[in-house]
Every structure is written in C-alpha cells, then in structure tokens.
Amino acid sequence: MSEPTLISRDALSGQKVALSVSESADLSRLGLTEQHCRLVVAEVGRAIMLAGGTVVYGGHLNPGGYTEILIEEAQRFSSGRSALEITLAESEYRKLTADELMTADRNLGDVGRLTLVSESRKTVPISRALDGSWSHAPGNALTAMREYVASGTTARLIVGGASRATSARNPAWSKKHV
C-alpha cells in the first residue's frame, strides 16, 4: 500500500517541528484511549517526515514509549535522511549508562540523532554525558530541555497532556505552538 501525498515531499524541508506528547486524564472523557494518542504520534511524525521535515522529540528511551513509535516511523519514512532528533533531558540521560547512550545513538543510524541537553541548556556529547554531577532536580532539567527544543524549532505540536499547567510552568514552550 502506498502512502497518500498530502503535501509535497519538500514542503517542510529544513524545518524542525517539535512534538510534545504526554498521557492525558481527559482521554476517556473524550471517548479516546491511549492507543488513539499513539496513532496520532505515528501519523503526525510520518506526515512531518514525508514532507521533508525533522521531528524533534524530547522524551526518554524506555521500551514501548512514544520514542519507539517515532523511531519506527523514521526507519520507514525518512528516505534515508536524518528525520528524527531524540532530545533527552539530563534527568533522563543520567538514568542510563554510557553504553546504553552509545547504543541508542548508533541504533538511530542515518534516520536520526540523539541530542543530550544538560540542566544548563547546553548540548553534551555522549562521551561526556555522565561526567561530573548535577543538581538532581528533574523539573529544572526538563525545563532546560524544553527551552532548548523551543529555541531550535519552527513549530511545536502538543498531543495530550495538560496544556494549561505545561504552559504556566514552561512559558518558552508555549510561546509559539501549532
């Protein structure tokens, strides 16, 4: 089965689109399930990639999560280019070993890259990710990652979650979203 052409293959060429996804307590009230949210992530990721854009996703590397869905979409629809940037906050990458980080980066291959963002909002090479210490404040680390992502993307799409609370805590993230 071939994919329908919704927009031209280069409509988003050179553009980075941030995708923020989180579970929502409102899904069942709306007649939806977590599977619907997962389908939206796959379809939106695919559409961005097919249009030549890069999906920037700040998440984690836990099996079965949204990251896995986006990696599968990139492997199927990236046309051999880097179409996915997985961005990990310090609170997430510090849970992993250096080998796990290198393996995750290597597994992305040509379809994506792994970006590590420190609590000070700087990117960190995998080889130095676990050096030194950090404040162990996950909220600060996640805010730094969101600010980094917001500053380097053209648009942001939010799926699920509590957008009011997120906007109040992370004004940089909510400044410009689709």
C-alpha atoms as a PDB file:
ATOM      1  CA  MET A   1       0.000   0.000   0.000  1.00  0.00           C
ATOM      2  CA  SER A   2       1.428   3.385  -0.905  1.00  0.00           C
ATOM      3  CA  GLU A   3       1.154   6.444   1.283  1.00  0.00           C
ATOM      4  CA  PRO A   4      -1.139   9.225   0.058  1.00  0.00           C
ATOM      5  CA  THR A   5       0.518  12.500  -0.872  1.00  0.00           C
ATOM      6  CA  LEU A   6      -0.950  15.102   1.450  1.00  0.00           C
ATOM      7  CA  ILE A   7       1.639  17.809   0.829  1.00  0.00           C
ATOM      8  CA  SER A   8       4.708  17.983  -1.346  1.00  0.00           C
ATOM      9  CA  ARG A   9       7.758  15.982  -0.271  1.00  0.00           C
ATOM     10  CA  ASP A  10       9.800  19.123   0.362  1.00  0.00           C
ATOM     11  CA  ALA A  11       7.137  21.326   1.997  1.00  0.00           C
ATOM     12  CA  LEU A  12       8.938  21.128   5.358  1.00  0.00           C
ATOM     13  CA  SER A  13      12.468  20.710   4.021  1.00  0.00           C
ATOM     14  CA  GLY A  14      14.975  22.124   6.502  1.00  0.00           C
ATOM     15  CA  GLN A  15      12.287  22.700   9.139  1.00  0.00           C
ATOM     16  CA  LYS A  16      12.296  21.196  12.616  1.00  0.00           C
ATOM     17  CA  VAL A  17       8.946  20.517  14.251  1.00  0.00           C
ATOM     18  CA  ALA A  18       8.845  19.767  17.968  1.00  0.00           C
ATOM     19  CA  LEU A  19       6.410  17.140  19.109  1.00  0.00           C
ATOM     20  CA  SER A  20       5.332  17.097  22.750  1.00  0.00           C
ATOM     21  CA  VAL A  21       3.317  14.088  23.828  1.00  0.00           C
ATOM     22  CA  SER A  22       2.059  13.027  27.205  1.00  0.00           C
ATOM     23  CA  GLU A  23      -0.756  11.000  28.646  1.00  0.00           C
ATOM     24  CA  SER A  24      -3.982  12.815  29.344  1.00  0.00           C
ATOM     25  CA  ALA A  25      -6.526  12.121  32.057  1.00  0.00           C
ATOM     26  CA  ASP A  26      -9.187  13.515  29.694  1.00  0.00           C
ATOM     27  CA  LEU A  27      -8.868  10.814  27.026  1.00  0.00           C
ATOM     28  CA  SER A  28     -11.640   8.547  28.332  1.00  0.00           C
ATOM     29  CA  ARG A  29     -13.965  11.503  28.884  1.00  0.00           C
ATOM     30  CA  LEU A  30     -13.485  12.314  25.198  1.00  0.00           C
ATOM     31  CA  GLY A  31     -14.124   8.721  24.114  1.00  0.00           C
ATOM     32  CA  LEU A  32     -10.461   8.126  23.318  1.00  0.00           C
ATOM     33  CA  THR A  33      -7.793   5.732  24.520  1.00  0.00           C
ATOM     34  CA  GLU A  34      -4.015   5.797  24.819  1.00  0.00           C
ATOM     35  CA  GLN A  35      -3.932   3.858  21.521  1.00  0.00           C
ATOM     36  CA  HIS A  36      -5.532   6.887  19.808  1.00  0.00           C
ATOM     37  CA  CYS A  37      -2.730   9.083  21.176  1.00  0.00           C
ATOM     38  CA  ARG A  38      -0.134   6.606  19.885  1.00  0.00           C
ATOM     39  CA  LEU A  39      -1.765   6.647  16.436  1.00  0.00           C
ATOM     40  CA  VAL A  40      -1.654  10.447  16.373  1.00  0.00           C
ATOM     41  CA  VAL A  41       2.066  10.377  17.213  1.00  0.00           C
ATOM     42  CA  ALA A  42       2.747   7.915  14.384  1.00  0.00           C
ATOM     43  CA  GLU A  43       0.639   9.777  11.812  1.00  0.00           C
ATOM     44  CA  VAL A  44       1.941  13.243  12.690  1.00  0.00           C
ATOM     45  CA  GLY A  45       5.528  12.016  12.783  1.00  0.00           C
ATOM     46  CA  ARG A  46       5.075  10.325   9.430  1.00  0.00           C
ATOM     47  CA  ALA A  47       3.482  13.407   7.849  1.00  0.00           C
ATOM     48  CA  ILE A  48       6.332  15.665   9.018  1.00  0.00           C
ATOM     49  CA  MET A  49       8.954  13.212   7.762  1.00  0.00           C
ATOM     50  CA  LEU A  50       7.241  12.646   4.401  1.00  0.00           C
ATOM     51  CA  ALA A  51       7.129  16.425   3.929  1.00  0.00           C
ATOM     52  CA  GLY A  52      10.903  16.613   4.426  1.00  0.00           C
ATOM     53  CA  GLY A  53      10.851  17.957   7.987  1.00  0.00           C
ATOM     54  CA  THR A  54      12.619  16.742  11.088  1.00  0.00           C
ATOM     55  CA  VAL A  55      10.660  15.658  14.154  1.00  0.00           C
ATOM     56  CA  VAL A  56      12.269  16.843  17.396  1.00  0.00           C
ATOM     57  CA  TYR A  57      11.015  14.831  20.335  1.00  0.00           C
ATOM     58  CA  GLY A  58      12.016  15.281  23.961  1.00  0.00           C
ATOM     59  CA  GLY A  59      11.338  12.085  25.799  1.00  0.00           C
ATOM     60  CA  HIS A  60      13.021   9.003  27.180  1.00  0.00           C
ATOM     61  CA  LEU A  61      14.369   5.748  25.817  1.00  0.00           C
ATOM     62  CA  ASN A  62      12.108   3.385  27.771  1.00  0.00           C
ATOM     63  CA  PRO A  63      10.813   0.465  25.681  1.00  0.00           C
ATOM     64  CA  GLY A  64       7.262   0.796  24.392  1.00  0.00           C
ATOM     65  CA  GLY A  65       7.135   4.590  24.605  1.00  0.00           C
ATOM     66  CA  TYR A  66       6.457   7.297  22.047  1.00  0.00           C
ATOM     67  CA  THR A  67      10.173   7.406  21.191  1.00  0.00           C
ATOM     68  CA  GLU A  68       9.939   3.863  19.869  1.00  0.00           C
ATOM     69  CA  ILE A  69       6.973   4.808  17.667  1.00  0.00           C
ATOM     70  CA  LEU A  70       8.847   7.747  16.173  1.00  0.00           C
ATOM     71  CA  ILE A  71      11.966   5.665  15.529  1.00  0.00           C
ATOM     72  CA  GLU A  72       9.863   3.096  13.661  1.00  0.00           C
ATOM     73  CA  GLU A  73       8.285   5.851  11.560  1.00  0.00           C
ATOM     74  CA  ALA A  74      11.697   7.357  10.789  1.00  0.00           C
ATOM     75  CA  GLN A  75      13.038   3.955   9.737  1.00  0.00           C
ATOM     76  CA  ARG A  76      10.089   3.507   7.368  1.00  0.00           C
ATOM     77  CA  PHE A  77       9.589   7.025   6.008  1.00  0.00           C
ATOM     78  CA  SER A  78      12.754   9.111   6.320  1.00  0.00           C
ATOM     79  CA  SER A  79      14.037   8.265   2.829  1.00  0.00           C
ATOM     80  CA  GLY A  80      17.490   7.634   4.289  1.00  0.00           C
ATOM     81  CA  ARG A  81      17.954  11.111   5.747  1.00  0.00           C
ATOM     82  CA  SER A  82      18.080  12.257   9.346  1.00  0.00           C
ATOM     83  CA  ALA A  83      14.405  12.939  10.070  1.00  0.00           C
ATOM     84  CA  LEU A  84      14.268  12.481  13.848  1.00  0.00           C
ATOM     85  CA  GLU A  85      16.033  14.150  16.733  1.00  0.00           C
ATOM     86  CA  ILE A  86      15.510  12.471  20.095  1.00  0.00           C
ATOM     87  CA  THR A  87      16.339  15.012  22.785  1.00  0.00           C
ATOM     88  CA  LEU A  88      16.972  13.799  26.310  1.00  0.00           C
ATOM     89  CA  ALA A  89      16.946  15.988  29.405  1.00  0.00           C
ATOM     90  CA  GLU A  90      19.728  15.465  31.924  1.00  0.00           C
ATOM     91  CA  SER A  91      17.250  13.839  34.306  1.00  0.00           C
ATOM     92  CA  GLU A  92      16.643  11.179  31.641  1.00  0.00           C
ATOM     93  CA  TYR A  93      20.109  10.541  30.226  1.00  0.00           C
ATOM     94  CA  ARG A  94      21.628  10.314  33.724  1.00  0.00           C
ATOM     95  CA  LYS A  95      19.479   7.202  34.304  1.00  0.00           C
ATOM     96  CA  LEU A  96      21.393   5.394  31.541  1.00  0.00           C
ATOM     97  CA  THR A  97      24.895   4.026  31.173  1.00  0.00           C
ATOM     98  CA  ALA A  98      27.379   5.332  28.611  1.00  0.00           C
ATOM     99  CA  ASP A  99      26.963   2.052  26.692  1.00  0.00           C
ATOM    100  CA  GLU A 100      23.174   2.459  26.617  1.00  0.00           C
ATOM    101  CA  LEU A 101      23.506   6.016  25.289  1.00  0.00           C
ATOM    102  CA  MET A 102      26.014   4.989  22.600  1.00  0.00           C
ATOM    103  CA  THR A 103      23.851   2.036  21.576  1.00  0.00           C
ATOM    104  CA  ALA A 104      20.739   4.230  21.320  1.00  0.00           C
ATOM    105  CA  ASP A 105      22.611   6.741  19.167  1.00  0.00           C
ATOM    106  CA  ARG A 106      24.083   4.012  16.975  1.00  0.00           C
ATOM    107  CA  ASN A 107      20.650   2.362  16.570  1.00  0.00           C
ATOM    108  CA  LEU A 108      19.242   5.587  15.151  1.00  0.00           C
ATOM    109  CA  GLY A 109      21.674   5.206  12.269  1.00  0.00           C
ATOM    110  CA  ASP A 110      21.114   7.554   9.349  1.00  0.00           C
ATOM    111  CA  VAL A 111      17.480   8.275  10.231  1.00  0.00           C
ATOM    112  CA  GLY A 112      18.073  10.290  13.374  1.00  0.00           C
ATOM    113  CA  ARG A 113      20.307  11.550  16.087  1.00  0.00           C
ATOM    114  CA  LEU A 114      20.389  11.635  19.845  1.00  0.00           C
ATOM    115  CA  THR A 115      20.831  15.027  21.490  1.00  0.00           C
ATOM    116  CA  LEU A 116      21.585  15.317  25.199  1.00  0.00           C
ATOM    117  CA  VAL A 117      20.719  18.600  26.912  1.00  0.00           C
ATOM    118  CA  SER A 118      22.202  19.462  30.281  1.00  0.00           C
ATOM    119  CA  GLU A 119      20.386  21.266  33.042  1.00  0.00           C
ATOM    120  CA  SER A 120      22.311  24.388  31.935  1.00  0.00           C
ATOM    121  CA  ARG A 121      20.615  24.097  28.486  1.00  0.00           C
ATOM    122  CA  LYS A 122      23.806  23.083  26.668  1.00  0.00           C
ATOM    123  CA  THR A 123      24.180  20.058  24.449  1.00  0.00           C
ATOM    124  CA  VAL A 124      26.532  17.434  25.805  1.00  0.00           C
ATOM    125  CA  PRO A 125      28.476  14.850  23.785  1.00  0.00           C
ATOM    126  CA  ILE A 126      27.603  11.274  24.684  1.00  0.00           C
ATOM    127  CA  SER A 127      31.219  10.627  25.659  1.00  0.00           C
ATOM    128  CA  ARG A 128      30.940  13.274  28.433  1.00  0.00           C
ATOM    129  CA  ALA A 129      27.268  12.896  29.366  1.00  0.00           C
ATOM    130  CA  LEU A 130      27.887  11.182  32.669  1.00  0.00           C
ATOM    131  CA  ASP A 131      30.886  13.262  33.777  1.00  0.00           C
ATOM    132  CA  GLY A 132      30.585  15.495  36.808  1.00  0.00           C
ATOM    133  CA  SER A 133      27.487  15.896  38.896  1.00  0.00           C
ATOM    134  CA  TRP A 134      24.160  17.638  38.587  1.00  0.00           C
ATOM    135  CA  SER A 135      21.512  19.040  40.916  1.00  0.00           C
ATOM    136  CA  HIS A 136      19.140  16.052  40.653  1.00  0.00           C
ATOM    137  CA  ALA A 137      16.251  18.457  40.011  1.00  0.00           C
ATOM    138  CA  PRO A 138      14.207  16.769  37.249  1.00  0.00           C
ATOM    139  CA  GLY A 139      11.938  19.811  36.862  1.00  0.00           C
ATOM    140  CA  ASN A 140      14.900  22.065  36.087  1.00  0.00           C
ATOM    141  CA  ALA A 141      16.373  19.521  33.675  1.00  0.00           C
ATOM    142  CA  LEU A 142      13.082  19.089  31.815  1.00  0.00           C
ATOM    143  CA  THR A 143      12.557  22.849  31.597  1.00  0.00           C
ATOM    144  CA  ALA A 144      16.081  23.266  30.179  1.00  0.00           C
ATOM    145  CA  MET A 145      15.383  20.588  27.558  1.00  0.00           C
ATOM    146  CA  ARG A 146      12.055  22.201  26.613  1.00  0.00           C
ATOM    147  CA  GLU A 147      13.700  25.616  26.284  1.00  0.00           C
ATOM    148  CA  TYR A 148      16.443  24.130  24.112  1.00  0.00           C
ATOM    149  CA  VAL A 149      13.874  22.423  21.870  1.00  0.00           C
ATOM    150  CA  ALA A 150      11.678  25.531  21.676  1.00  0.00           C
ATOM    151  CA  SER A 151      14.585  27.721  20.617  1.00  0.00           C
ATOM    152  CA  GLY A 152      15.606  25.425  17.762  1.00  0.00           C
ATOM    153  CA  THR A 153      12.303  24.501  16.155  1.00  0.00           C
ATOM    154  CA  THR A 154       9.991  26.176  13.676  1.00  0.00           C
ATOM    155  CA  ALA A 155       6.776  24.911  15.238  1.00  0.00           C
ATOM    156  CA  ARG A 156       5.582  22.861  18.170  1.00  0.00           C
ATOM    157  CA  LEU A 157       2.729  20.407  18.260  1.00  0.00           C
ATOM    158  CA  ILE A 158       1.286  19.268  21.589  1.00  0.00           C
ATOM    159  CA  VAL A 159      -0.606  15.977  21.812  1.00  0.00           C
ATOM    160  CA  GLY A 160      -2.376  15.050  25.048  1.00  0.00           C
ATOM    161  CA  GLY A 161      -1.310  16.206  28.464  1.00  0.00           C
ATOM    162  CA  ALA A 162      -2.391  19.211  30.462  1.00  0.00           C
ATOM    163  CA  SER A 163      -1.546  22.163  28.233  1.00  0.00           C
ATOM    164  CA  ARG A 164      -2.560  24.817  30.780  1.00  0.00           C
ATOM    165  CA  ALA A 165      -0.278  23.516  33.504  1.00  0.00           C
ATOM    166  CA  THR A 166       2.509  22.956  30.986  1.00  0.00           C
ATOM    167  CA  SER A 167       2.138  26.473  29.605  1.00  0.00           C
ATOM    168  CA  ALA A 168       2.202  28.011  33.055  1.00  0.00           C
ATOM    169  CA  ARG A 169       5.351  26.127  34.068  1.00  0.00           C
ATOM    170  CA  ASN A 170       7.095  26.385  30.705  1.00  0.00           C
ATOM    171  CA  PRO A 171       6.322  29.730  29.061  1.00  0.00           C
ATOM    172  CA  ALA A 172       9.125  29.267  26.466  1.00  0.00           C
ATOM    173  CA  TRP A 173       7.494  26.063  25.253  1.00  0.00           C
ATOM    174  CA  SER A 174       4.056  27.633  24.809  1.00  0.00           C
ATOM    175  CA  LYS A 175       5.172  30.866  23.099  1.00  0.00           C
ATOM    176  CA  LYS A 176       4.784  29.531  19.624  1.00  0.00           C
ATOM    177  CA  HIS A 177       2.876  26.296  19.105  1.00  0.00           C
ATOM    178  CA  VAL A 178       0.665  24.910  16.407  1.00  0.00           C
END
